[in-house]
Amino acid sequence: MITGKNYIGNKLSANGSVTHHTINPKLNIETSTPFFEATEAEVDEAVTLGWEAFKTYRKIPGFKRAAFLNAIADEILALDKELIEAYTTESGLPEGRAIGERGRTVFQLRSFADLVSKEDWRENVIDEAIPDRQPLPKEDLRKTLIPLGPVVVFAASNFPLAFSTAGGDTVSALAAGCPVIVKAHAMHSGTAELVASAIIKAAEKTGMPNGVFSNIMGRGRTVGTALVKHPKVKAVGFTGSISGGRALFDLAAQREEPIPVFAEMGSINPVIITSKALDKRYADIADTYASSITLGTGQFCTNPGLILTVEGDNTQAFVQDLAEKTIAIEAQCMLHPNIKQGFVENGQSVTSQKGVEIVGVVEGDLEPNYAASLIATISGADFLANPKTGQEVFGPFSLVVKCKNEEELLKVINNLEGQLTGTIIAEEEEYANLHDLVDALENRVGRIIFNGVPTGVEVCPSMQHGGPYPASTDSRFTAVGANAIKRWVRPVSYQSFPNELLPDALKN
């Protein structure tokens, strides 16, 4: 049952007087439940409780943490229709998407449970002593990874389950041995509370310490600022806008004890289509990318917002075909009035720039929070001359950049900001000539896709979901897949230690 209260550990709390309501974007009305925003004292209580829990939780064996994660998955499934109804009501997303995202969330939980049920992920290293080594003896050295401490996770707007309360940041931190305080996203506070209740039940059933998880409500940046500045918080996970992520990053750096912020932020995910690919199959490419651009109303961090090609015989035919197929797809509801407003304003900001031409846009009246898909074009020279044309438009939008030659195409890529993904659409006979293009993309993105679409992020060890700034604040780490756990740990070496004092994984 949704109460509108914060979870401070296993206790429901509503000490503040400030409340907010979520919005049903399809009906464009507020939901009935008031959600109580956390006070400064409640924030302090949640973090302090997490710090106390850390003293115990950090030493709980991996197989017991695995049981906890599996129990969370079970409890989320037990919420059944109540969770699906809250999700669809607060997001405007269809039931099929809700069920699919719940499945992904459960899969992530079970995947990390499998990971930490064994100790291999800690990358344990044992270098035994060599007392008679010349000219100097070698000491016994052993290294493992240990958890950082309480982690604050900021839930994402566009994934109410898989990147939110029990999403990838939370589950990887819990797997590592770190208590988590979630800052719930105000757009889906009810969904967040239900998932939080599942985590609390799982913690109690598996004997985890109280404070291993808390769920905090709050709009704006007041509550988030208090969480990041709290001296007992040791790391932050964030998925959202560049401005929001950068603000948290700067706050964390200004602390007396700076802490890492692992933020996944903006990306326009360039797609490079060769002239030969357009000559052979521009209609098929247009079909594929019209679907990708509009998938989930374009509300994915890997949405293909920029398409690059060299002017050729079929370039204009492709652009026209893409525009017609994109706007022919039925308009869909966006997550929130604020996101719809941002889509409109950012789209207008790009299309009002010099040299930008709108090729296709949905005409006529739409329901209040539905998005009118938009395709525009610009020359390579005009794109290079104006950085504003490269800003992210979060929604069903893509800008086609028509370069005059391969040299200009590479220059455009080299001048892009860091991105999550880059895609190459090419023919087999061109492979030998694509090395410069691949090299350029490697320096700009975290994942390169070949003859596919960037939308869709597989949860597996080889996935890299992160990229050079501003795609993320540290391109060495991923927010998706098993290696996401590496964000919440640090290496420690033990030199010449007695066996009984070593961590179990390092003992003889």
Protein backbone atom coordinates (compact mmCIF):
# COMPACT_ATOMS: atom_id res chain seq x y z
CA MET A 1 0.00 0.00 0.00
CA ILE A 2 1.28 3.48 -0.88
CA THR A 3 1.41 5.74 2.20
CA GLY A 4 3.34 8.74 0.86
CA LYS A 5 5.97 8.37 3.59
CA ASN A 6 9.75 8.00 3.58
CA TYR A 7 11.44 4.78 4.61
CA ILE A 8 14.14 5.55 7.16
CA GLY A 9 15.50 2.05 7.38
CA ASN A 10 12.50 -0.13 8.19
CA LYS A 11 10.49 2.75 9.67
CA LEU A 12 7.92 4.81 7.77
CA SER A 13 8.47 8.49 8.50
CA ALA A 14 6.64 11.72 7.60
CA ASN A 15 7.94 14.44 9.91
CA GLY A 16 7.92 17.25 7.37
CA SER A 17 5.12 19.57 6.24
CA VAL A 18 6.12 19.86 2.56
CA THR A 19 4.37 17.43 0.22
CA HIS A 20 4.11 16.81 -3.50
CA HIS A 21 1.86 14.78 -5.80
CA THR A 22 2.83 12.70 -8.78
CA ILE A 23 1.10 13.29 -12.12
CA ASN A 24 -0.74 10.91 -14.40
CA PRO A 25 0.65 12.22 -17.70
CA LYS A 26 -1.98 10.51 -19.86
CA LEU A 27 -4.84 12.15 -18.00
CA ASN A 28 -2.73 15.23 -17.15
CA ILE A 29 -3.97 15.24 -13.57
CA GLU A 30 -2.33 14.87 -10.16
CA THR A 31 -2.62 11.56 -8.34
CA SER A 32 -4.40 11.61 -4.98
CA THR A 33 -1.63 10.60 -2.55
CA PRO A 34 0.48 13.37 -0.98
CA PHE A 35 4.15 12.40 -0.64
CA PHE A 36 6.02 13.82 2.35
CA GLU A 37 9.40 15.31 1.51
CA ALA A 38 12.18 14.43 3.93
CA THR A 39 13.38 16.92 6.51
CA GLU A 40 17.05 17.57 7.22
CA ALA A 41 16.70 15.49 10.39
CA GLU A 42 15.23 12.56 8.43
CA VAL A 43 18.07 12.74 5.93
CA ASP A 44 20.60 12.66 8.77
CA GLU A 45 18.79 9.75 10.43
CA ALA A 46 18.76 7.70 7.21
CA VAL A 47 22.46 8.24 6.53
CA THR A 48 23.49 7.65 10.16
CA LEU A 49 21.47 4.44 10.18
CA GLY A 50 23.18 3.41 6.94
CA TRP A 51 26.59 4.11 8.47
CA GLU A 52 25.81 1.93 11.48
CA ALA A 53 24.47 -0.81 9.21
CA PHE A 54 27.67 -0.65 7.14
CA LYS A 55 29.76 -1.83 10.08
CA THR A 56 27.88 -5.13 9.96
CA TYR A 57 26.78 -5.36 6.33
CA ARG A 58 30.29 -4.93 4.89
CA LYS A 59 31.31 -8.22 6.51
CA ILE A 60 28.24 -10.26 5.62
CA PRO A 61 29.36 -13.13 3.36
CA GLY A 62 28.57 -12.89 -0.32
CA PHE A 63 26.21 -15.86 -0.32
CA LYS A 64 24.05 -14.13 2.32
CA ARG A 65 24.00 -10.87 0.33
CA ALA A 66 23.00 -13.00 -2.67
CA ALA A 67 20.05 -14.36 -0.68
CA PHE A 68 19.07 -10.77 0.14
CA LEU A 69 19.15 -9.73 -3.53
CA ASN A 70 17.13 -12.77 -4.59
CA ALA A 71 14.61 -12.01 -1.86
CA ILE A 72 14.23 -8.46 -3.20
CA ALA A 73 13.46 -9.91 -6.62
CA ASP A 74 10.85 -12.21 -5.09
CA GLU A 75 9.21 -9.38 -3.15
CA ILE A 76 9.06 -7.15 -6.24
CA LEU A 77 7.30 -9.91 -8.15
CA ALA A 78 4.92 -10.37 -5.21
CA LEU A 79 3.75 -6.76 -5.59
CA ASP A 80 2.22 -7.95 -8.86
CA LYS A 81 -0.57 -5.76 -10.29
CA GLU A 82 -0.27 -3.05 -7.60
CA LEU A 83 3.25 -2.22 -8.84
CA ILE A 84 2.30 -2.36 -12.53
CA GLU A 85 -0.67 -0.07 -11.94
CA ALA A 86 1.42 2.48 -10.02
CA TYR A 87 4.10 2.39 -12.73
CA THR A 88 1.71 2.98 -15.63
CA THR A 89 -0.26 5.63 -13.75
CA GLU A 90 2.79 7.72 -12.84
CA SER A 91 4.76 7.30 -16.08
CA GLY A 92 2.22 7.16 -18.91
CA LEU A 93 4.13 4.13 -20.21
CA PRO A 94 2.17 1.06 -21.35
CA GLU A 95 1.66 -2.08 -19.30
CA GLY A 96 3.91 -4.11 -21.59
CA ARG A 97 6.80 -1.74 -20.92
CA ALA A 98 6.13 -1.96 -17.17
CA ILE A 99 6.18 -5.76 -17.21
CA GLY A 100 9.31 -5.80 -19.36
CA GLU A 101 11.14 -3.35 -17.12
CA ARG A 102 10.13 -5.30 -14.03
CA GLY A 103 11.62 -8.39 -15.69
CA ARG A 104 14.87 -6.54 -16.34
CA THR A 105 14.98 -5.32 -12.74
CA VAL A 106 14.50 -8.84 -11.42
CA PHE A 107 17.14 -10.15 -13.84
CA GLN A 108 19.65 -7.54 -12.60
CA LEU A 109 19.00 -8.54 -9.01
CA ARG A 110 19.47 -12.23 -9.72
CA SER A 111 22.56 -11.56 -11.87
CA PHE A 112 24.31 -9.69 -9.06
CA ALA A 113 23.21 -12.38 -6.62
CA ASP A 114 24.99 -14.94 -8.80
CA LEU A 115 28.04 -12.68 -9.02
CA VAL A 116 28.54 -12.19 -5.28
CA SER A 117 27.66 -15.75 -4.30
CA LYS A 118 31.30 -16.43 -5.24
CA GLU A 119 34.34 -14.27 -4.47
CA ASP A 120 35.90 -14.11 -7.95
CA TRP A 121 34.56 -10.59 -8.57
CA ARG A 122 36.86 -9.23 -5.85
CA GLU A 123 39.91 -9.93 -8.05
CA ASN A 124 41.81 -11.35 -5.09
CA VAL A 125 45.58 -11.50 -5.56
CA ILE A 126 48.03 -13.42 -3.37
CA ASP A 127 51.79 -12.84 -3.73
CA GLU A 128 53.47 -15.05 -1.20
CA ALA A 129 56.66 -14.07 0.59
CA ILE A 130 60.08 -15.02 -0.76
CA PRO A 131 62.33 -14.60 2.29
CA ASP A 132 65.52 -15.70 0.52
CA ARG A 133 65.11 -13.50 -2.55
CA GLN A 134 68.24 -11.53 -3.46
CA PRO A 135 69.23 -8.76 -3.10
CA LEU A 136 66.20 -8.15 -0.82
CA PRO A 137 63.57 -10.51 0.59
CA LYS A 138 59.99 -10.20 -0.68
CA GLU A 139 57.17 -9.62 1.78
CA ASP A 140 53.87 -11.49 1.66
CA LEU A 141 51.29 -9.24 -0.08
CA ARG A 142 47.60 -9.91 -0.66
CA LYS A 143 44.97 -7.65 -2.23
CA THR A 144 41.19 -7.60 -2.37
CA LEU A 145 38.32 -5.17 -2.97
CA ILE A 146 36.31 -3.77 -0.05
CA PRO A 147 33.09 -1.69 -0.05
CA LEU A 148 33.29 2.11 0.23
CA GLY A 149 30.43 2.77 2.66
CA PRO A 150 26.90 4.19 2.41
CA VAL A 151 25.93 5.09 -1.16
CA VAL A 152 23.31 7.64 -2.25
CA VAL A 153 21.45 6.69 -5.43
CA PHE A 154 19.42 9.23 -7.40
CA ALA A 155 16.58 7.48 -9.23
CA ALA A 156 16.12 8.14 -12.96
CA SER A 157 12.99 9.69 -14.44
CA ASN A 158 12.80 7.48 -17.52
CA PHE A 159 13.16 4.04 -15.90
CA PRO A 160 10.90 3.89 -12.80
CA LEU A 161 12.17 0.39 -12.03
CA ALA A 162 15.41 -0.63 -13.79
CA PHE A 163 17.35 2.60 -13.07
CA SER A 164 15.54 3.63 -9.90
CA THR A 165 14.78 2.33 -6.41
CA ALA A 166 15.97 -1.25 -7.01
CA GLY A 167 17.77 -0.46 -10.26
CA GLY A 168 21.32 -1.05 -11.40
CA ASP A 169 23.00 1.48 -9.09
CA THR A 170 21.18 0.22 -5.99
CA VAL A 171 21.60 -3.48 -6.64
CA SER A 172 25.30 -3.21 -7.57
CA ALA A 173 26.00 -1.17 -4.41
CA LEU A 174 24.10 -3.61 -2.20
CA ALA A 175 25.94 -6.48 -3.88
CA ALA A 176 29.28 -4.81 -3.10
CA GLY A 177 28.42 -4.53 0.60
CA CYS A 178 27.32 -0.88 0.69
CA PRO A 179 24.09 0.29 2.34
CA VAL A 180 22.00 2.45 0.00
CA ILE A 181 19.93 5.58 0.55
CA VAL A 182 17.75 6.18 -2.52
CA LYS A 183 16.60 9.67 -3.44
CA ALA A 184 13.31 8.72 -5.11
CA HIS A 185 12.38 10.54 -8.30
CA ALA A 186 9.44 12.87 -7.66
CA MET A 187 7.81 11.81 -10.94
CA HIS A 188 7.20 8.27 -9.68
CA SER A 189 7.20 8.47 -5.88
CA GLY A 190 4.45 5.86 -5.49
CA THR A 191 6.28 3.29 -7.57
CA ALA A 192 9.42 4.05 -5.54
CA GLU A 193 7.66 3.49 -2.22
CA LEU A 194 6.25 0.14 -3.32
CA VAL A 195 9.68 -1.08 -4.44
CA ALA A 196 11.21 0.27 -1.23
CA SER A 197 8.71 -1.77 0.78
CA ALA A 198 9.83 -4.87 -1.12
CA ILE A 199 13.49 -4.17 -0.30
CA ILE A 200 12.69 -3.64 3.39
CA LYS A 201 10.72 -6.90 3.56
CA ALA A 202 13.58 -8.75 1.89
CA ALA A 203 16.10 -7.24 4.32
CA GLU A 204 14.05 -8.33 7.31
CA LYS A 205 13.44 -11.84 5.95
CA THR A 206 17.16 -12.43 5.28
CA GLY A 207 18.46 -10.87 8.51
CA MET A 208 20.13 -7.78 7.04
CA PRO A 209 20.88 -4.91 9.47
CA ASN A 210 18.30 -2.14 9.79
CA GLY A 211 19.52 0.82 7.72
CA VAL A 212 20.92 -1.25 4.88
CA PHE A 213 18.33 0.55 2.75
CA SER A 214 16.33 3.80 3.02
CA ASN A 215 14.04 5.59 0.55
CA ILE A 216 13.90 9.40 0.74
CA MET A 217 11.41 11.72 -0.99
CA GLY A 218 12.06 15.26 -2.17
CA ARG A 219 11.68 17.53 -5.19
CA GLY A 220 14.25 20.02 -6.35
CA ARG A 221 17.80 19.85 -5.06
CA THR A 222 17.46 20.53 -1.31
CA VAL A 223 17.21 16.92 -0.18
CA GLY A 224 19.75 15.74 -2.76
CA THR A 225 22.24 18.40 -1.67
CA ALA A 226 21.88 17.38 1.98
CA LEU A 227 22.50 13.74 1.08
CA VAL A 228 25.62 14.39 -1.00
CA LYS A 229 27.12 16.73 1.59
CA HIS A 230 26.56 14.34 4.51
CA PRO A 231 29.98 13.28 5.82
CA LYS A 232 28.94 9.64 6.26
CA VAL A 233 28.01 9.25 2.57
CA LYS A 234 30.93 7.72 0.64
CA ALA A 235 29.73 7.62 -3.00
CA VAL A 236 26.90 8.74 -5.27
CA GLY A 237 25.12 7.17 -8.25
CA PHE A 238 23.09 9.35 -10.60
CA THR A 239 21.20 9.01 -13.89
CA GLY A 240 19.76 12.17 -15.39
CA SER A 241 20.58 15.54 -16.91
CA ILE A 242 24.02 17.05 -17.41
CA SER A 243 23.13 20.02 -15.20
CA GLY A 244 21.92 17.78 -12.37
CA GLY A 245 24.83 15.37 -12.55
CA ARG A 246 27.42 18.12 -12.78
CA ALA A 247 25.90 19.92 -9.78
CA LEU A 248 26.23 16.77 -7.68
CA PHE A 249 29.75 16.13 -8.96
CA ASP A 250 30.81 19.66 -7.96
CA LEU A 251 29.16 19.35 -4.54
CA ALA A 252 30.97 16.09 -3.85
CA ALA A 253 34.31 17.56 -4.95
CA GLN A 254 33.88 20.54 -2.61
CA ARG A 255 33.38 18.42 0.50
CA GLU A 256 36.10 18.32 3.14
CA GLU A 257 36.41 14.66 2.15
CA PRO A 258 35.62 14.53 -1.59
CA ILE A 259 33.73 11.44 -2.73
CA PRO A 260 33.18 9.87 -6.17
CA VAL A 261 30.03 10.65 -8.15
CA PHE A 262 29.23 8.13 -10.86
CA ALA A 263 26.81 10.07 -13.04
CA GLU A 264 25.37 8.89 -16.34
CA MET A 265 24.18 12.04 -18.09
CA GLY A 266 23.56 13.42 -21.59
CA SER A 267 24.17 11.72 -24.94
CA ILE A 268 23.02 12.21 -28.54
CA ASN A 269 24.50 8.89 -29.72
CA PRO A 270 25.80 9.62 -33.23
CA VAL A 271 24.93 7.21 -36.03
CA ILE A 272 27.21 7.21 -39.10
CA ILE A 273 25.68 5.88 -42.31
CA THR A 274 27.97 5.43 -45.30
CA SER A 275 26.94 6.46 -48.79
CA LYS A 276 27.16 2.86 -50.00
CA ALA A 277 24.81 1.73 -47.24
CA LEU A 278 22.32 4.41 -48.28
CA ASP A 279 22.67 3.44 -51.94
CA LYS A 280 21.92 -0.21 -51.19
CA ARG A 281 19.27 -0.02 -48.43
CA TYR A 282 18.23 3.47 -47.43
CA ALA A 283 14.57 2.46 -47.13
CA ASP A 284 15.37 -0.37 -44.71
CA ILE A 285 17.63 1.92 -42.67
CA ALA A 286 14.86 4.52 -42.53
CA ASP A 287 12.42 1.86 -41.28
CA THR A 288 14.81 0.73 -38.56
CA TYR A 289 15.71 4.21 -37.37
CA ALA A 290 12.17 5.61 -37.43
CA SER A 291 11.32 2.87 -34.92
CA SER A 292 14.45 3.48 -32.85
CA ILE A 293 13.97 7.27 -32.69
CA THR A 294 10.37 6.93 -31.47
CA LEU A 295 10.88 3.91 -29.20
CA GLY A 296 9.60 4.78 -25.73
CA THR A 297 8.80 8.27 -27.05
CA GLY A 298 12.54 8.78 -27.50
CA GLN A 299 13.01 8.82 -23.72
CA PHE A 300 16.12 6.66 -23.64
CA CYS A 301 19.66 7.79 -22.88
CA THR A 302 20.74 5.88 -26.01
CA ASN A 303 18.20 7.46 -28.35
CA PRO A 304 19.83 8.14 -31.79
CA GLY A 305 19.64 11.93 -31.73
CA LEU A 306 22.29 12.57 -34.40
CA ILE A 307 22.67 10.91 -37.80
CA LEU A 308 25.80 11.63 -39.87
CA THR A 309 26.30 10.87 -43.53
CA VAL A 310 28.21 12.14 -46.56
CA GLU A 311 26.18 13.82 -49.30
CA GLY A 312 25.42 11.34 -52.07
CA ASP A 313 22.84 10.33 -54.63
CA ASN A 314 20.43 8.90 -52.07
CA THR A 315 21.05 11.17 -49.08
CA GLN A 316 18.02 13.38 -49.61
CA ALA A 317 15.79 10.40 -50.43
CA PHE A 318 16.84 8.78 -47.14
CA VAL A 319 16.19 11.94 -45.14
CA GLN A 320 12.72 12.33 -46.63
CA ASP A 321 11.90 8.65 -46.14
CA LEU A 322 13.12 8.75 -42.52
CA ALA A 323 11.02 11.84 -41.83
CA GLU A 324 7.87 10.37 -43.35
CA LYS A 325 8.23 7.06 -41.52
CA THR A 326 9.04 8.71 -38.20
CA ILE A 327 6.08 11.08 -38.14
CA ALA A 328 3.77 8.29 -39.37
CA ILE A 329 4.34 6.41 -36.09
CA GLU A 330 1.53 7.19 -33.67
CA ALA A 331 2.37 9.92 -31.15
CA GLN A 332 3.00 8.66 -27.64
CA CYS A 333 2.73 10.07 -24.13
CA MET A 334 5.84 11.45 -22.44
CA LEU A 335 6.71 10.79 -18.83
CA HIS A 336 5.72 14.14 -17.34
CA PRO A 337 4.59 17.64 -18.36
CA ASN A 338 8.08 18.94 -17.48
CA ILE A 339 9.71 16.43 -19.82
CA LYS A 340 7.28 17.34 -22.59
CA GLN A 341 8.08 21.02 -22.05
CA GLY A 342 11.81 20.30 -22.15
CA PHE A 343 11.40 18.35 -25.40
CA VAL A 344 9.54 21.23 -27.03
CA GLU A 345 11.94 23.92 -25.82
CA ASN A 346 15.12 22.02 -26.68
CA GLY A 347 13.73 21.02 -30.06
CA GLN A 348 12.94 24.63 -30.83
CA SER A 349 16.39 25.67 -29.64
CA VAL A 350 18.05 23.34 -32.17
CA THR A 351 15.69 23.93 -35.09
CA SER A 352 15.91 27.72 -34.74
CA GLN A 353 19.67 27.69 -35.37
CA LYS A 354 21.18 28.83 -38.67
CA GLY A 355 21.14 26.18 -41.38
CA VAL A 356 18.73 23.79 -39.63
CA GLU A 357 15.80 22.70 -41.78
CA ILE A 358 12.79 20.81 -40.42
CA VAL A 359 12.05 17.93 -42.77
CA GLY A 360 9.25 16.19 -40.90
CA VAL A 361 7.12 17.01 -37.87
CA VAL A 362 3.79 15.67 -36.63
CA GLU A 363 1.09 18.19 -37.49
CA GLY A 364 -2.22 18.87 -35.75
CA ASP A 365 -3.34 18.90 -32.13
CA LEU A 366 -2.12 16.25 -29.71
CA GLU A 367 -3.10 15.32 -26.18
CA PRO A 368 -1.34 17.59 -23.63
CA ASN A 369 1.71 15.39 -22.85
CA TYR A 370 2.07 13.62 -26.19
CA ALA A 371 5.18 14.26 -28.28
CA ALA A 372 5.25 15.39 -31.89
CA SER A 373 8.17 13.51 -33.49
CA LEU A 374 10.63 15.69 -35.35
CA ILE A 375 13.35 15.15 -38.00
CA ALA A 376 15.64 18.00 -39.11
CA THR A 377 18.78 18.41 -41.25
CA ILE A 378 21.86 20.60 -41.30
CA SER A 379 25.08 20.76 -43.30
CA GLY A 380 28.33 19.57 -41.78
CA ALA A 381 29.80 23.07 -41.98
CA ASP A 382 26.88 24.68 -40.15
CA PHE A 383 26.91 21.95 -37.51
CA LEU A 384 30.61 22.48 -36.86
CA ALA A 385 30.14 26.25 -36.64
CA ASN A 386 27.42 26.11 -33.99
CA PRO A 387 27.73 23.93 -30.85
CA LYS A 388 24.07 24.61 -29.99
CA THR A 389 23.01 22.29 -32.79
CA GLY A 390 24.60 19.37 -30.94
CA GLN A 391 22.59 19.67 -27.73
CA GLU A 392 20.49 16.74 -26.52
CA VAL A 393 16.76 16.83 -27.29
CA PHE A 394 15.27 14.25 -24.94
CA GLY A 395 12.43 12.74 -26.94
CA PRO A 396 11.57 11.51 -30.47
CA PHE A 397 13.97 13.79 -32.34
CA SER A 398 16.95 13.31 -34.63
CA LEU A 399 19.16 15.74 -36.56
CA VAL A 400 20.67 14.52 -39.84
CA VAL A 401 24.06 16.12 -40.58
CA LYS A 402 24.99 16.05 -44.27
CA CYS A 403 28.77 16.28 -44.62
CA LYS A 404 30.44 17.24 -47.89
CA ASN A 405 33.12 14.51 -47.67
CA GLU A 406 34.77 11.93 -45.41
CA GLU A 407 37.21 14.51 -44.02
CA GLU A 408 34.38 16.72 -42.80
CA LEU A 409 32.57 13.70 -41.35
CA LEU A 410 35.62 12.78 -39.26
CA LYS A 411 35.97 16.38 -38.16
CA VAL A 412 32.36 16.37 -36.94
CA ILE A 413 32.97 13.19 -34.94
CA ASN A 414 36.20 14.49 -33.43
CA ASN A 415 34.43 17.69 -32.33
CA LEU A 416 31.57 15.91 -30.57
CA GLU A 417 31.31 15.81 -26.80
CA GLY A 418 31.64 12.42 -25.10
CA GLN A 419 28.79 10.02 -25.86
CA LEU A 420 27.41 6.76 -24.51
CA THR A 421 27.24 5.16 -27.95
CA GLY A 422 28.29 5.55 -31.56
CA THR A 423 26.91 3.49 -34.46
CA ILE A 424 28.30 2.59 -37.89
CA ILE A 425 26.00 1.51 -40.73
CA ALA A 426 28.16 0.21 -43.58
CA GLU A 427 28.58 -2.47 -46.24
CA GLU A 428 31.02 -5.38 -46.10
CA GLU A 429 33.09 -4.14 -49.03
CA GLU A 430 33.82 -0.94 -47.06
CA TYR A 431 35.27 -2.62 -43.97
CA ALA A 432 38.90 -2.09 -44.99
CA ASN A 433 38.32 1.68 -45.22
CA LEU A 434 36.57 2.14 -41.86
CA HIS A 435 39.56 2.11 -39.50
CA ASP A 436 39.81 5.90 -39.21
CA LEU A 437 36.10 6.07 -38.44
CA VAL A 438 36.36 3.40 -35.76
CA ASP A 439 39.40 5.14 -34.24
CA ALA A 440 37.52 8.45 -34.09
CA LEU A 441 34.51 6.86 -32.41
CA GLU A 442 36.65 5.01 -29.88
CA ASN A 443 37.83 8.38 -28.56
CA ARG A 444 34.29 9.73 -28.25
CA VAL A 445 32.03 6.90 -27.05
CA GLY A 446 31.75 4.01 -24.60
CA ARG A 447 30.03 1.51 -26.90
CA ILE A 448 30.26 1.17 -30.68
CA ILE A 449 27.41 -0.56 -32.53
CA PHE A 450 27.82 -1.98 -36.02
CA ASN A 451 24.82 -2.26 -38.38
CA GLY A 452 22.34 -1.99 -35.52
CA VAL A 453 20.64 0.55 -33.28
CA PRO A 454 21.92 2.03 -30.00
CA THR A 455 18.58 1.66 -28.20
CA GLY A 456 18.63 -1.44 -26.02
CA VAL A 457 21.31 -1.98 -23.36
CA GLU A 458 22.10 -5.63 -22.66
CA VAL A 459 22.77 -6.54 -19.02
CA CYS A 460 25.95 -8.63 -19.25
CA PRO A 461 29.65 -8.45 -18.27
CA SER A 462 30.80 -7.10 -21.66
CA MET A 463 28.41 -4.14 -21.64
CA GLN A 464 29.89 -0.65 -21.26
CA HIS A 465 27.24 1.92 -20.35
CA GLY A 466 29.26 5.06 -19.84
CA GLY A 467 31.52 7.24 -21.92
CA PRO A 468 33.74 10.34 -21.96
CA TYR A 469 32.31 13.42 -20.22
CA PRO A 470 29.51 14.53 -20.33
CA ALA A 471 28.11 11.08 -21.10
CA SER A 472 29.40 10.11 -17.66
CA THR A 473 31.66 11.54 -14.99
CA ASP A 474 34.15 8.65 -15.20
CA SER A 475 34.44 6.79 -18.49
CA ARG A 476 36.36 3.92 -16.86
CA PHE A 477 33.19 2.56 -15.28
CA THR A 478 29.85 1.17 -16.47
CA ALA A 479 26.38 1.67 -14.98
CA VAL A 480 25.10 -1.60 -16.49
CA GLY A 481 26.35 -5.17 -16.17
CA ALA A 482 28.45 -7.05 -13.64
CA ASN A 483 31.31 -4.54 -13.69
CA ALA A 484 29.00 -1.84 -12.30
CA ILE A 485 29.93 -3.25 -8.90
CA LYS A 486 33.47 -1.86 -9.30
CA ARG A 487 32.18 1.68 -8.67
CA TRP A 488 31.41 0.95 -5.03
CA VAL A 489 34.64 -0.75 -3.93
CA ARG A 490 38.31 0.09 -3.48
CA PRO A 491 41.44 -2.08 -3.36
CA VAL A 492 43.26 -2.81 -0.09
CA SER A 493 46.60 -4.61 0.25
CA TYR A 494 47.59 -6.61 3.35
CA GLN A 495 51.33 -6.98 3.91
CA SER A 496 52.88 -9.64 6.12
CA PHE A 497 49.55 -10.35 7.82
CA PRO A 498 48.92 -13.28 10.17
CA ASN A 499 46.55 -15.70 8.49
CA GLU A 500 43.82 -15.40 11.12
CA LEU A 501 43.54 -11.62 10.62
CA LEU A 502 43.18 -11.74 6.83
CA PRO A 503 39.81 -11.51 5.06
CA ASP A 504 38.53 -15.03 4.45
CA ALA A 505 39.10 -14.80 0.69
CA LEU A 506 42.83 -14.10 1.23
CA LYS A 507 43.60 -16.75 3.83
CA ASN A 508 45.84 -19.71 3.08
